[in-house]
Amino acid sequence: MEEEKKQPEEKLGWKKTVVLYLHDIAWYLAVICVLFLLVFRVVIVTGTSMNHTLLDGDYLLLLSNVLYTDPEQGDVVVISKESFQNGTPIVKRVIATEGQTVDIINGCVYVDGTVIEEEYLPEGLPTYSSGSTEFPLVVEKDCVFVLGDNRGNSRDSRYSDIGQVDKREILGKALLLVVPGTNKGEFEPDYGRIGGSDRWKMNG
C-alpha cells in the first residue's frame, strides 16, 4: 500500500491566534481574581495606631481568613468589629490568644506572668491600661487580645468598643507591605520598608 501522504500542518491565521491568546489571558485573570477573592486581600492602613511599624497609607497584602484561621502571638492582623466604627477594618497586633492571661503593670505588658519583649515599639514608650478593660484578664475561647504598636494613640482591646476579638472578626493576617505610606505627607515614601511580615514580629 502506498504510504499516506503527510498532511501539511495547518497554520493558524492571525485572528485565531488572537482568540487563543485572549482565551489564555481570560483564564489567567479568572485565576487571579479567585485568588484575591478567596486567598488574598489588599488593604490600606488608615490612621496612626500602628506607627512606626506601619504608617497611614501603607498598602498591605493579607492572607485571607479563608486560610488564616489560627492567629498567633505577634501576628499583625486586620479586624472588623461592628461595635467600632461600624466595622471599619483596623490593623492591630495579636498580643495573646485564647486561654492566656494578659496584664499591664507599670507600663509593661505581661502574658502568662512574663513581660513580653516588644522591640518594635518606640524606645521608652510605655503601655498603660487606660480604657474600660479590667486587668488581669483571661482571653476567652476563640478570641484574641490585640494592641496597636502606637500605644498612646491606639483604640484596641483595652477599650470596650473593641475588647477581645473573636477569630471570626479577623479579616486576615498581614503578609507583605507592597506600597509604603507617608502618614499623610509626614514622611517621604520609604521603599526600603517594602517586604514581609517577619520584620514586624515580636521577640521573646
C-alpha atoms as a PDB file:
ATOM      1  CA  MET A   1       0.000   0.000   0.000  1.00  0.00           C
ATOM      2  CA  GLU A   2       1.116   3.455  -0.684  1.00  0.00           C
ATOM      3  CA  GLU A   3       2.192   5.466   2.326  1.00  0.00           C
ATOM      4  CA  GLU A   4      -0.286   8.090   3.197  1.00  0.00           C
ATOM      5  CA  LYS A   5       0.903  11.490   2.328  1.00  0.00           C
ATOM      6  CA  LYS A   6       1.627  13.617   5.344  1.00  0.00           C
ATOM      7  CA  GLN A   7      -0.871  16.373   5.671  1.00  0.00           C
ATOM      8  CA  PRO A   8       0.755  19.801   5.941  1.00  0.00           C
ATOM      9  CA  GLU A   9       0.284  21.400   9.343  1.00  0.00           C
ATOM     10  CA  GLU A  10      -2.452  23.954   9.300  1.00  0.00           C
ATOM     11  CA  LYS A  11      -1.143  27.415  10.016  1.00  0.00           C
ATOM     12  CA  LEU A  12      -3.245  29.485  12.346  1.00  0.00           C
ATOM     13  CA  GLY A  13      -4.432  32.729  10.964  1.00  0.00           C
ATOM     14  CA  TRP A  14      -3.831  35.904  12.965  1.00  0.00           C
ATOM     15  CA  LYS A  15      -7.464  36.017  14.043  1.00  0.00           C
ATOM     16  CA  LYS A  16      -7.331  32.512  15.554  1.00  0.00           C
ATOM     17  CA  THR A  17      -4.024  33.350  17.233  1.00  0.00           C
ATOM     18  CA  VAL A  18      -5.533  36.446  18.835  1.00  0.00           C
ATOM     19  CA  VAL A  19      -8.543  34.461  20.034  1.00  0.00           C
ATOM     20  CA  LEU A  20      -6.298  31.822  21.631  1.00  0.00           C
ATOM     21  CA  TYR A  21      -4.219  34.495  23.370  1.00  0.00           C
ATOM     22  CA  LEU A  22      -7.347  36.202  24.675  1.00  0.00           C
ATOM     23  CA  HIS A  23      -8.677  32.848  25.887  1.00  0.00           C
ATOM     24  CA  ASP A  24      -5.465  32.211  27.855  1.00  0.00           C
ATOM     25  CA  ILE A  25      -5.443  35.729  29.294  1.00  0.00           C
ATOM     26  CA  ALA A  26      -9.076  35.344  30.402  1.00  0.00           C
ATOM     27  CA  TRP A  27      -8.185  32.139  32.267  1.00  0.00           C
ATOM     28  CA  TYR A  28      -5.188  33.772  33.953  1.00  0.00           C
ATOM     29  CA  LEU A  29      -7.314  36.725  35.031  1.00  0.00           C
ATOM     30  CA  ALA A  30     -10.006  34.406  36.363  1.00  0.00           C
ATOM     31  CA  VAL A  31      -7.435  32.508  38.456  1.00  0.00           C
ATOM     32  CA  ILE A  32      -6.004  35.781  39.808  1.00  0.00           C
ATOM     33  CA  CYS A  33      -9.485  37.041  40.697  1.00  0.00           C
ATOM     34  CA  VAL A  34     -10.304  33.825  42.545  1.00  0.00           C
ATOM     35  CA  LEU A  35      -7.025  34.038  44.458  1.00  0.00           C
ATOM     36  CA  PHE A  36      -7.701  37.592  45.532  1.00  0.00           C
ATOM     37  CA  LEU A  37     -11.308  36.870  46.409  1.00  0.00           C
ATOM     38  CA  LEU A  38     -10.638  33.740  48.447  1.00  0.00           C
ATOM     39  CA  VAL A  39      -6.965  33.719  49.453  1.00  0.00           C
ATOM     40  CA  PHE A  40      -5.520  37.227  49.410  1.00  0.00           C
ATOM     41  CA  ARG A  41      -6.759  40.749  50.043  1.00  0.00           C
ATOM     42  CA  VAL A  42      -5.200  44.164  49.718  1.00  0.00           C
ATOM     43  CA  VAL A  43      -5.987  46.742  52.399  1.00  0.00           C
ATOM     44  CA  ILE A  44      -4.841  50.277  53.101  1.00  0.00           C
ATOM     45  CA  VAL A  45      -3.735  51.220  56.601  1.00  0.00           C
ATOM     46  CA  THR A  46      -5.786  54.125  57.942  1.00  0.00           C
ATOM     47  CA  GLY A  47      -4.668  56.059  60.986  1.00  0.00           C
ATOM     48  CA  THR A  48      -1.528  56.023  63.115  1.00  0.00           C
ATOM     49  CA  SER A  49      -2.293  53.335  65.703  1.00  0.00           C
ATOM     50  CA  MET A  50       0.461  51.071  64.304  1.00  0.00           C
ATOM     51  CA  ASN A  51       3.188  53.721  63.942  1.00  0.00           C
ATOM     52  CA  HIS A  52       6.020  53.236  63.320  1.00  0.00           C
ATOM     53  CA  THR A  53       5.662  49.610  62.318  1.00  0.00           C
ATOM     54  CA  LEU A  54       3.053  50.635  59.756  1.00  0.00           C
ATOM     55  CA  LEU A  55       2.118  54.090  58.530  1.00  0.00           C
ATOM     56  CA  ASP A  56      -1.121  55.665  57.396  1.00  0.00           C
ATOM     57  CA  GLY A  57      -1.426  54.919  53.685  1.00  0.00           C
ATOM     58  CA  ASP A  58       0.565  51.670  53.662  1.00  0.00           C
ATOM     59  CA  TYR A  59      -0.814  49.023  51.294  1.00  0.00           C
ATOM     60  CA  LEU A  60      -0.780  45.540  52.815  1.00  0.00           C
ATOM     61  CA  LEU A  61      -1.251  42.126  51.251  1.00  0.00           C
ATOM     62  CA  LEU A  62      -3.313  39.914  53.564  1.00  0.00           C
ATOM     63  CA  LEU A  63      -3.674  36.187  53.826  1.00  0.00           C
ATOM     64  CA  SER A  64      -7.468  35.917  53.943  1.00  0.00           C
ATOM     65  CA  ASN A  65      -9.303  34.327  56.858  1.00  0.00           C
ATOM     66  CA  VAL A  66     -10.385  31.598  54.451  1.00  0.00           C
ATOM     67  CA  LEU A  67      -6.951  30.063  55.095  1.00  0.00           C
ATOM     68  CA  TYR A  68      -5.779  32.043  58.123  1.00  0.00           C
ATOM     69  CA  THR A  69      -7.724  30.502  60.979  1.00  0.00           C
ATOM     70  CA  ASP A  70      -5.193  30.124  63.791  1.00  0.00           C
ATOM     71  CA  PRO A  71      -3.806  33.525  64.926  1.00  0.00           C
ATOM     72  CA  GLU A  72      -0.525  33.500  66.826  1.00  0.00           C
ATOM     73  CA  GLN A  73       1.027  35.938  69.262  1.00  0.00           C
ATOM     74  CA  GLY A  74       2.856  38.645  67.340  1.00  0.00           C
ATOM     75  CA  ASP A  75       0.790  38.400  64.137  1.00  0.00           C
ATOM     76  CA  VAL A  76      -0.286  41.701  62.603  1.00  0.00           C
ATOM     77  CA  VAL A  77      -3.930  41.311  61.629  1.00  0.00           C
ATOM     78  CA  VAL A  78      -6.804  43.277  60.139  1.00  0.00           C
ATOM     79  CA  ILE A  79     -10.045  43.068  62.069  1.00  0.00           C
ATOM     80  CA  SER A  80     -13.584  44.318  61.679  1.00  0.00           C
ATOM     81  CA  LYS A  81     -15.730  44.959  64.760  1.00  0.00           C
ATOM     82  CA  GLU A  82     -19.283  46.180  64.258  1.00  0.00           C
ATOM     83  CA  SER A  83     -19.059  47.820  67.678  1.00  0.00           C
ATOM     84  CA  PHE A  84     -16.201  50.028  66.451  1.00  0.00           C
ATOM     85  CA  GLN A  85     -16.856  52.477  63.621  1.00  0.00           C
ATOM     86  CA  ASN A  86     -19.481  50.175  62.095  1.00  0.00           C
ATOM     87  CA  GLY A  87     -16.974  47.506  61.192  1.00  0.00           C
ATOM     88  CA  THR A  88     -14.351  49.699  59.510  1.00  0.00           C
ATOM     89  CA  PRO A  89     -11.254  47.478  59.104  1.00  0.00           C
ATOM     90  CA  ILE A  90      -8.438  48.274  61.531  1.00  0.00           C
ATOM     91  CA  VAL A  91      -4.884  46.924  61.848  1.00  0.00           C
ATOM     92  CA  LYS A  92      -3.619  45.624  65.205  1.00  0.00           C
ATOM     93  CA  ARG A  93      -1.129  43.164  66.682  1.00  0.00           C
ATOM     94  CA  VAL A  94      -2.113  39.927  68.407  1.00  0.00           C
ATOM     95  CA  ILE A  95      -0.716  40.037  71.937  1.00  0.00           C
ATOM     96  CA  ALA A  96      -2.380  36.948  73.414  1.00  0.00           C
ATOM     97  CA  THR A  97      -4.584  34.086  72.289  1.00  0.00           C
ATOM     98  CA  GLU A  98      -7.320  32.053  73.963  1.00  0.00           C
ATOM     99  CA  GLY A  99      -6.559  30.854  77.466  1.00  0.00           C
ATOM    100  CA  GLN A 100      -3.630  33.225  78.018  1.00  0.00           C
ATOM    101  CA  THR A 101      -3.658  35.801  80.811  1.00  0.00           C
ATOM    102  CA  VAL A 102      -2.898  39.427  79.952  1.00  0.00           C
ATOM    103  CA  ASP A 103      -1.867  42.070  82.458  1.00  0.00           C
ATOM    104  CA  ILE A 104      -0.495  45.605  82.214  1.00  0.00           C
ATOM    105  CA  ILE A 105       1.696  46.752  85.105  1.00  0.00           C
ATOM    106  CA  ASN A 106       3.864  49.866  85.296  1.00  0.00           C
ATOM    107  CA  GLY A 107       3.754  50.381  81.543  1.00  0.00           C
ATOM    108  CA  CYS A 108       4.693  46.789  80.668  1.00  0.00           C
ATOM    109  CA  VAL A 109       2.563  44.089  79.074  1.00  0.00           C
ATOM    110  CA  TYR A 110       2.598  40.670  80.723  1.00  0.00           C
ATOM    111  CA  VAL A 111       1.333  37.455  79.128  1.00  0.00           C
ATOM    112  CA  ASP A 112       1.017  34.475  81.465  1.00  0.00           C
ATOM    113  CA  GLY A 113       3.057  36.313  84.076  1.00  0.00           C
ATOM    114  CA  THR A 114       6.011  37.149  81.814  1.00  0.00           C
ATOM    115  CA  VAL A 115       6.848  40.560  80.367  1.00  0.00           C
ATOM    116  CA  ILE A 116       6.811  40.332  76.564  1.00  0.00           C
ATOM    117  CA  GLU A 117       9.704  41.920  74.689  1.00  0.00           C
ATOM    118  CA  GLU A 118       8.359  44.439  72.204  1.00  0.00           C
ATOM    119  CA  GLU A 119      11.314  45.780  70.263  1.00  0.00           C
ATOM    120  CA  TYR A 120       9.010  47.104  67.554  1.00  0.00           C
ATOM    121  CA  LEU A 121       7.747  49.770  69.979  1.00  0.00           C
ATOM    122  CA  PRO A 122       9.395  53.209  70.025  1.00  0.00           C
ATOM    123  CA  GLU A 123      12.051  53.230  72.726  1.00  0.00           C
ATOM    124  CA  GLY A 124      10.675  54.066  76.135  1.00  0.00           C
ATOM    125  CA  LEU A 125       7.043  54.025  75.029  1.00  0.00           C
ATOM    126  CA  PRO A 126       5.003  52.582  77.919  1.00  0.00           C
ATOM    127  CA  THR A 127       1.689  50.753  77.687  1.00  0.00           C
ATOM    128  CA  TYR A 128      -0.993  51.966  80.060  1.00  0.00           C
ATOM    129  CA  SER A 129      -4.175  50.127  80.951  1.00  0.00           C
ATOM    130  CA  SER A 130      -6.389  53.046  80.025  1.00  0.00           C
ATOM    131  CA  GLY A 131      -9.904  52.320  78.887  1.00  0.00           C
ATOM    132  CA  SER A 132     -12.571  50.183  80.486  1.00  0.00           C
ATOM    133  CA  THR A 133     -10.932  46.752  80.417  1.00  0.00           C
ATOM    134  CA  GLU A 134     -10.045  45.300  83.798  1.00  0.00           C
ATOM    135  CA  PHE A 135      -6.708  43.546  84.198  1.00  0.00           C
ATOM    136  CA  PRO A 136      -5.571  40.883  84.584  1.00  0.00           C
ATOM    137  CA  LEU A 137      -7.865  39.149  82.106  1.00  0.00           C
ATOM    138  CA  VAL A 138      -8.009  35.695  80.587  1.00  0.00           C
ATOM    139  CA  VAL A 139      -8.550  35.619  76.834  1.00  0.00           C
ATOM    140  CA  GLU A 140     -11.796  33.849  76.060  1.00  0.00           C
ATOM    141  CA  LYS A 141     -12.236  30.799  73.827  1.00  0.00           C
ATOM    142  CA  ASP A 142     -11.862  31.535  70.092  1.00  0.00           C
ATOM    143  CA  CYS A 143     -10.724  35.092  70.843  1.00  0.00           C
ATOM    144  CA  VAL A 144      -7.523  37.133  70.746  1.00  0.00           C
ATOM    145  CA  PHE A 145      -6.334  40.221  72.607  1.00  0.00           C
ATOM    146  CA  VAL A 146      -4.918  42.929  70.335  1.00  0.00           C
ATOM    147  CA  LEU A 147      -2.990  46.167  70.760  1.00  0.00           C
ATOM    148  CA  GLY A 148      -1.719  48.817  68.376  1.00  0.00           C
ATOM    149  CA  ASP A 149       2.025  49.414  68.311  1.00  0.00           C
ATOM    150  CA  ASN A 150       1.478  53.136  68.905  1.00  0.00           C
ATOM    151  CA  ARG A 151       0.192  52.522  72.414  1.00  0.00           C
ATOM    152  CA  GLY A 152      -0.539  56.152  73.252  1.00  0.00           C
ATOM    153  CA  ASN A 153      -2.766  56.559  70.200  1.00  0.00           C
ATOM    154  CA  SER A 154      -4.479  53.242  69.654  1.00  0.00           C
ATOM    155  CA  ARG A 155      -8.027  52.086  70.182  1.00  0.00           C
ATOM    156  CA  ASP A 156      -7.686  48.381  70.852  1.00  0.00           C
ATOM    157  CA  SER A 157      -8.622  45.580  73.263  1.00  0.00           C
ATOM    158  CA  ARG A 158      -8.093  47.913  76.208  1.00  0.00           C
ATOM    159  CA  TYR A 159     -11.388  49.591  75.272  1.00  0.00           C
ATOM    160  CA  SER A 160     -14.865  48.115  75.490  1.00  0.00           C
ATOM    161  CA  ASP A 161     -15.893  49.068  71.930  1.00  0.00           C
ATOM    162  CA  ILE A 162     -13.223  46.667  70.662  1.00  0.00           C
ATOM    163  CA  GLY A 163     -12.409  44.399  73.583  1.00  0.00           C
ATOM    164  CA  GLN A 164     -11.445  40.819  72.899  1.00  0.00           C
ATOM    165  CA  VAL A 165     -11.643  39.957  69.207  1.00  0.00           C
ATOM    166  CA  ASP A 166     -13.464  36.867  68.019  1.00  0.00           C
ATOM    167  CA  LYS A 167     -11.450  34.965  65.402  1.00  0.00           C
ATOM    168  CA  ARG A 168     -14.389  35.343  63.034  1.00  0.00           C
ATOM    169  CA  GLU A 169     -13.850  39.113  63.154  1.00  0.00           C
ATOM    170  CA  ILE A 170     -10.320  38.778  61.787  1.00  0.00           C
ATOM    171  CA  LEU A 171     -10.231  39.509  58.055  1.00  0.00           C
ATOM    172  CA  GLY A 172      -6.705  38.216  57.610  1.00  0.00           C
ATOM    173  CA  LYS A 173      -3.036  38.335  58.513  1.00  0.00           C
ATOM    174  CA  ALA A 174      -0.729  40.970  57.037  1.00  0.00           C
ATOM    175  CA  LEU A 175       1.880  39.189  54.914  1.00  0.00           C
ATOM    176  CA  LEU A 176       3.571  41.917  52.950  1.00  0.00           C
ATOM    177  CA  LEU A 177       3.870  45.676  52.726  1.00  0.00           C
ATOM    178  CA  VAL A 178       3.559  46.372  48.999  1.00  0.00           C
ATOM    179  CA  VAL A 179       3.329  50.180  48.802  1.00  0.00           C
ATOM    180  CA  PRO A 180       4.705  52.474  51.528  1.00  0.00           C
ATOM    181  CA  GLY A 181       2.507  55.174  53.012  1.00  0.00           C
ATOM    182  CA  THR A 182       3.558  58.614  54.204  1.00  0.00           C
ATOM    183  CA  ASN A 183       1.307  59.374  57.207  1.00  0.00           C
ATOM    184  CA  LYS A 184      -0.496  61.934  55.071  1.00  0.00           C
ATOM    185  CA  GLY A 185       2.736  63.558  53.926  1.00  0.00           C
ATOM    186  CA  GLU A 186       4.564  63.459  57.252  1.00  0.00           C
ATOM    187  CA  PHE A 187       7.262  61.241  55.718  1.00  0.00           C
ATOM    188  CA  GLU A 188       8.713  60.679  52.265  1.00  0.00           C
ATOM    189  CA  PRO A 189       7.826  57.276  50.747  1.00  0.00           C
ATOM    190  CA  ASP A 190      10.417  54.788  52.023  1.00  0.00           C
ATOM    191  CA  TYR A 191      10.552  51.932  49.531  1.00  0.00           C
ATOM    192  CA  GLY A 192      13.061  50.143  51.755  1.00  0.00           C
ATOM    193  CA  ARG A 193      10.100  49.334  54.026  1.00  0.00           C
ATOM    194  CA  ILE A 194       8.556  47.102  51.376  1.00  0.00           C
ATOM    195  CA  GLY A 195       8.767  43.495  52.470  1.00  0.00           C
ATOM    196  CA  GLY A 196       7.401  40.647  54.509  1.00  0.00           C
ATOM    197  CA  SER A 197       5.916  40.498  57.958  1.00  0.00           C
ATOM    198  CA  ASP A 198       8.961  38.839  59.573  1.00  0.00           C
ATOM    199  CA  ARG A 199      10.359  42.272  60.366  1.00  0.00           C
ATOM    200  CA  TRP A 200       7.209  43.111  62.389  1.00  0.00           C
ATOM    201  CA  LYS A 201       7.467  40.117  64.715  1.00  0.00           C
ATOM    202  CA  MET A 202       7.841  40.404  68.454  1.00  0.00           C
ATOM    203  CA  ASN A 203      10.818  38.800  70.150  1.00  0.00           C
ATOM    204  CA  GLY A 204      10.716  36.592  73.196  1.00  0.00           C
END
